[in-house]
N, C-alpha and C. Protein backbone atom coordinates (compact mmCIF):
# COMPACT_ATOMS: atom_id res chain seq x y z
N MET A 1 121.14 116.15 74.40
CA MET A 1 119.80 115.77 74.78
C MET A 1 119.31 114.68 73.83
N TYR A 2 118.70 113.64 74.38
CA TYR A 2 118.18 112.51 73.60
C TYR A 2 116.82 112.89 73.04
N THR A 3 116.68 112.94 71.72
CA THR A 3 115.44 113.43 71.12
C THR A 3 114.77 112.43 70.18
N LYS A 4 115.19 111.16 70.20
CA LYS A 4 114.58 110.19 69.29
C LYS A 4 113.11 109.97 69.66
N THR A 5 112.31 109.72 68.64
CA THR A 5 110.88 109.50 68.82
C THR A 5 110.45 108.23 68.09
N ILE A 6 109.26 107.79 68.42
CA ILE A 6 108.63 106.65 67.75
C ILE A 6 107.28 107.15 67.22
N THR A 7 106.97 106.81 65.99
CA THR A 7 105.66 107.15 65.43
C THR A 7 104.76 105.93 65.55
N LEU A 8 103.65 106.11 66.24
CA LEU A 8 102.69 105.02 66.43
C LEU A 8 101.89 104.80 65.14
N ASN A 9 101.18 103.69 65.06
CA ASN A 9 100.40 103.36 63.87
C ASN A 9 99.39 104.43 63.50
N ASN A 10 98.90 105.17 64.49
CA ASN A 10 97.91 106.21 64.21
C ASN A 10 98.54 107.56 63.90
N GLY A 11 99.87 107.59 63.78
CA GLY A 11 100.56 108.82 63.43
C GLY A 11 101.03 109.66 64.61
N VAL A 12 100.63 109.31 65.82
CA VAL A 12 101.05 110.04 67.01
C VAL A 12 102.54 109.78 67.24
N VAL A 13 103.26 110.85 67.52
CA VAL A 13 104.70 110.75 67.77
C VAL A 13 104.94 110.80 69.27
N ILE A 14 105.69 109.82 69.78
CA ILE A 14 105.97 109.72 71.22
C ILE A 14 107.48 109.75 71.43
N PRO A 15 107.95 110.55 72.38
CA PRO A 15 109.38 110.52 72.69
C PRO A 15 109.79 109.13 73.15
N GLN A 16 110.90 108.63 72.66
CA GLN A 16 111.32 107.27 72.94
C GLN A 16 111.75 107.08 74.40
N LEU A 17 112.36 108.07 74.99
CA LEU A 17 112.83 108.00 76.36
C LEU A 17 111.85 108.72 77.27
N GLY A 18 111.42 108.04 78.34
CA GLY A 18 110.45 108.65 79.24
C GLY A 18 110.85 108.49 80.69
N LEU A 19 110.36 109.39 81.52
CA LEU A 19 110.56 109.31 82.96
C LEU A 19 109.47 108.44 83.55
N GLY A 20 109.84 107.31 84.12
CA GLY A 20 108.90 106.46 84.84
C GLY A 20 108.81 106.93 86.28
N THR A 21 107.61 107.05 86.80
CA THR A 21 107.44 107.61 88.14
C THR A 21 107.00 106.58 89.18
N TRP A 22 107.04 105.30 88.83
CA TRP A 22 106.68 104.26 89.79
C TRP A 22 107.64 104.31 90.98
N PHE A 23 107.12 104.23 92.16
CA PHE A 23 107.87 104.28 93.42
C PHE A 23 108.40 105.66 93.76
N ILE A 24 108.01 106.70 93.05
CA ILE A 24 108.37 108.06 93.47
C ILE A 24 107.16 108.61 94.22
N ASP A 25 107.37 108.96 95.47
CA ASP A 25 106.28 109.41 96.34
C ASP A 25 105.63 110.67 95.80
N ASP A 26 104.33 110.76 96.00
CA ASP A 26 103.55 111.91 95.52
C ASP A 26 104.11 113.24 96.06
N ALA A 27 104.67 113.23 97.25
CA ALA A 27 105.17 114.46 97.86
C ALA A 27 106.43 114.99 97.18
N VAL A 28 107.15 114.15 96.44
CA VAL A 28 108.41 114.59 95.82
C VAL A 28 108.44 114.43 94.31
N VAL A 29 107.41 113.81 93.74
CA VAL A 29 107.45 113.52 92.31
C VAL A 29 107.40 114.79 91.44
N ALA A 30 106.77 115.86 91.92
CA ALA A 30 106.75 117.10 91.13
C ALA A 30 108.17 117.59 90.88
N ASP A 31 109.02 117.50 91.89
CA ASP A 31 110.42 117.92 91.72
C ASP A 31 111.14 117.02 90.73
N ALA A 32 110.84 115.72 90.76
CA ALA A 32 111.46 114.78 89.81
C ALA A 32 111.05 115.12 88.38
N VAL A 33 109.77 115.43 88.18
CA VAL A 33 109.27 115.80 86.85
C VAL A 33 109.95 117.08 86.38
N LYS A 34 110.05 118.06 87.26
CA LYS A 34 110.69 119.32 86.89
C LYS A 34 112.17 119.11 86.52
N ALA A 35 112.87 118.33 87.32
CA ALA A 35 114.28 118.06 87.04
C ALA A 35 114.44 117.32 85.72
N ALA A 36 113.58 116.35 85.48
CA ALA A 36 113.65 115.59 84.23
C ALA A 36 113.41 116.47 83.01
N THR A 37 112.43 117.36 83.10
CA THR A 37 112.14 118.23 81.95
C THR A 37 113.27 119.23 81.73
N GLN A 38 113.96 119.62 82.80
CA GLN A 38 115.09 120.55 82.66
C GLN A 38 116.24 119.92 81.89
N ILE A 39 116.38 118.58 81.96
CA ILE A 39 117.47 117.94 81.21
C ILE A 39 117.00 117.34 79.89
N GLY A 40 115.74 117.61 79.53
CA GLY A 40 115.30 117.24 78.19
C GLY A 40 114.19 116.22 78.08
N TYR A 41 113.79 115.58 79.17
CA TYR A 41 112.68 114.61 79.07
C TYR A 41 111.41 115.32 78.63
N ARG A 42 110.68 114.67 77.73
CA ARG A 42 109.39 115.20 77.27
C ARG A 42 108.29 114.15 77.36
N HIS A 43 108.62 112.97 77.89
CA HIS A 43 107.69 111.85 78.03
C HIS A 43 107.66 111.49 79.51
N ILE A 44 106.48 111.60 80.13
CA ILE A 44 106.31 111.31 81.55
C ILE A 44 105.28 110.20 81.69
N ASP A 45 105.62 109.16 82.46
CA ASP A 45 104.74 108.01 82.64
C ASP A 45 104.30 107.92 84.10
N THR A 46 102.99 107.75 84.30
CA THR A 46 102.44 107.55 85.63
C THR A 46 101.26 106.60 85.54
N ALA A 47 100.62 106.34 86.66
CA ALA A 47 99.43 105.48 86.69
C ALA A 47 98.68 105.75 87.98
N GLN A 48 97.40 105.51 87.94
CA GLN A 48 96.58 105.67 89.13
C GLN A 48 97.12 104.81 90.27
N ALA A 49 97.56 103.61 89.96
CA ALA A 49 98.05 102.68 90.98
C ALA A 49 99.33 103.17 91.66
N TYR A 50 100.07 104.08 91.04
CA TYR A 50 101.30 104.59 91.64
C TYR A 50 101.01 105.52 92.82
N GLY A 51 99.82 106.11 92.82
CA GLY A 51 99.44 107.02 93.90
C GLY A 51 100.16 108.35 93.87
N ASN A 52 100.68 108.74 92.71
CA ASN A 52 101.43 109.99 92.62
C ASN A 52 100.97 110.90 91.49
N GLU A 53 99.80 110.65 90.96
CA GLU A 53 99.34 111.44 89.82
C GLU A 53 99.13 112.92 90.15
N ARG A 54 98.72 113.22 91.37
CA ARG A 54 98.56 114.62 91.74
C ARG A 54 99.90 115.34 91.63
N GLY A 55 100.96 114.73 92.18
CA GLY A 55 102.28 115.33 92.12
C GLY A 55 102.85 115.40 90.72
N VAL A 56 102.59 114.37 89.91
CA VAL A 56 103.02 114.40 88.51
C VAL A 56 102.33 115.56 87.81
N GLY A 57 101.03 115.72 88.06
CA GLY A 57 100.30 116.84 87.46
C GLY A 57 100.88 118.18 87.86
N GLU A 58 101.24 118.32 89.13
CA GLU A 58 101.85 119.56 89.60
C GLU A 58 103.18 119.80 88.88
N GLY A 59 103.97 118.76 88.73
CA GLY A 59 105.24 118.89 88.03
C GLY A 59 105.06 119.28 86.58
N VAL A 60 104.07 118.69 85.92
CA VAL A 60 103.77 119.01 84.52
C VAL A 60 103.34 120.47 84.40
N ARG A 61 102.49 120.91 85.31
CA ARG A 61 101.98 122.29 85.26
C ARG A 61 103.03 123.34 85.57
N THR A 62 104.01 122.99 86.40
CA THR A 62 104.96 124.01 86.90
C THR A 62 106.38 123.85 86.39
N CYS A 63 106.61 122.93 85.46
CA CYS A 63 107.99 122.65 85.01
C CYS A 63 108.54 123.71 84.05
N GLY A 64 107.67 124.53 83.48
CA GLY A 64 108.14 125.56 82.56
C GLY A 64 108.15 125.13 81.10
N VAL A 65 107.82 123.88 80.83
CA VAL A 65 107.72 123.39 79.44
C VAL A 65 106.26 123.46 79.04
N PRO A 66 105.95 124.04 77.88
CA PRO A 66 104.55 124.09 77.45
C PRO A 66 103.93 122.69 77.41
N ARG A 67 102.70 122.57 77.89
CA ARG A 67 102.04 121.27 77.98
C ARG A 67 102.02 120.54 76.64
N GLU A 68 101.84 121.26 75.55
CA GLU A 68 101.76 120.62 74.24
C GLU A 68 103.09 119.99 73.82
N GLU A 69 104.18 120.31 74.52
CA GLU A 69 105.48 119.70 74.23
C GLU A 69 105.75 118.46 75.06
N LEU A 70 104.85 118.15 75.99
CA LEU A 70 105.02 116.99 76.86
C LEU A 70 104.08 115.87 76.46
N PHE A 71 104.55 114.64 76.56
CA PHE A 71 103.75 113.45 76.28
C PHE A 71 103.55 112.74 77.60
N VAL A 72 102.33 112.78 78.13
CA VAL A 72 102.03 112.19 79.43
C VAL A 72 101.22 110.91 79.23
N VAL A 73 101.74 109.82 79.81
CA VAL A 73 101.07 108.53 79.74
C VAL A 73 100.57 108.18 81.14
N SER A 74 99.32 107.72 81.22
CA SER A 74 98.79 107.26 82.49
C SER A 74 97.98 106.00 82.27
N LYS A 75 97.81 105.26 83.34
CA LYS A 75 96.99 104.06 83.29
C LYS A 75 95.94 104.18 84.39
N VAL A 76 94.69 103.91 84.07
CA VAL A 76 93.64 103.97 85.08
C VAL A 76 93.38 102.56 85.61
N ALA A 77 92.79 102.51 86.78
CA ALA A 77 92.48 101.22 87.40
C ALA A 77 91.52 100.43 86.53
N ALA A 78 91.64 99.12 86.60
CA ALA A 78 90.83 98.22 85.76
C ALA A 78 89.33 98.43 85.98
N GLU A 79 88.95 98.84 87.18
CA GLU A 79 87.51 99.02 87.43
C GLU A 79 86.93 100.26 86.76
N HIS A 80 87.79 101.13 86.23
CA HIS A 80 87.31 102.30 85.49
C HIS A 80 87.10 101.88 84.04
N LYS A 81 85.86 101.57 83.71
CA LYS A 81 85.56 100.98 82.41
C LYS A 81 85.02 101.98 81.38
N THR A 82 84.67 103.18 81.82
CA THR A 82 84.04 104.10 80.89
C THR A 82 84.96 105.29 80.58
N TYR A 83 84.66 105.94 79.49
CA TYR A 83 85.38 107.14 79.09
C TYR A 83 85.24 108.21 80.17
N GLU A 84 84.04 108.35 80.73
CA GLU A 84 83.78 109.38 81.74
C GLU A 84 84.65 109.16 82.98
N GLN A 85 84.81 107.89 83.39
CA GLN A 85 85.66 107.59 84.54
C GLN A 85 87.11 107.93 84.25
N ALA A 86 87.56 107.65 83.07
CA ALA A 86 88.93 107.97 82.69
C ALA A 86 89.13 109.49 82.64
N LYS A 87 88.19 110.20 82.09
CA LYS A 87 88.28 111.66 82.02
C LYS A 87 88.29 112.27 83.41
N ASN A 88 87.52 111.69 84.34
CA ASN A 88 87.52 112.18 85.71
C ASN A 88 88.91 112.04 86.32
N GLU A 89 89.57 110.94 86.05
CA GLU A 89 90.93 110.73 86.55
C GLU A 89 91.87 111.79 85.99
N GLU A 90 91.72 112.12 84.73
CA GLU A 90 92.54 113.15 84.09
C GLU A 90 92.33 114.49 84.77
N GLN A 91 91.10 114.81 85.14
CA GLN A 91 90.80 116.08 85.80
C GLN A 91 91.42 116.14 87.19
N ILE A 92 91.44 115.02 87.90
CA ILE A 92 92.04 114.96 89.23
C ILE A 92 93.52 115.32 89.15
N CYS A 93 94.18 114.86 88.12
CA CYS A 93 95.62 115.05 87.98
C CYS A 93 95.97 116.47 87.53
N GLY A 94 95.09 117.09 86.79
CA GLY A 94 95.34 118.44 86.33
C GLY A 94 96.35 118.55 85.21
N TYR A 95 96.46 117.55 84.37
CA TYR A 95 97.43 117.58 83.27
C TYR A 95 96.99 118.49 82.14
N GLY A 96 95.72 118.78 82.03
CA GLY A 96 95.20 119.43 80.84
C GLY A 96 94.65 118.37 79.91
N HIS A 97 95.46 117.38 79.64
CA HIS A 97 95.03 116.18 78.89
C HIS A 97 96.10 115.11 79.06
N VAL A 98 95.71 113.88 78.91
CA VAL A 98 96.65 112.77 78.94
C VAL A 98 96.89 112.36 77.49
N SER A 99 98.13 112.21 77.11
CA SER A 99 98.45 111.86 75.73
C SER A 99 97.99 110.45 75.38
N VAL A 100 98.18 109.50 76.31
CA VAL A 100 97.76 108.11 76.12
C VAL A 100 97.27 107.59 77.45
N PHE A 101 96.10 106.93 77.44
CA PHE A 101 95.60 106.21 78.61
C PHE A 101 95.82 104.75 78.37
């Protein structure tokens, strides 16, 4: 299992290898997240523009890996300019929290 990490300037540690979910349909992305975590992935990348955040959230919640062991990255649409708008997006996905927006 590949376990290398990168430490960001603020001390946050991020797994170097991540599952990118662009072009994975929302209806099947939960299975992709679960399969990836079963083989060792702990970094999951998504974005509002991908249209699959609901499924990514389902995969994160049901993969069997404790949420605190997963690093979830998401990007919100440019028109979401406030913290409240970003937090609302996080709630829609059901991740518990997003590691990096």
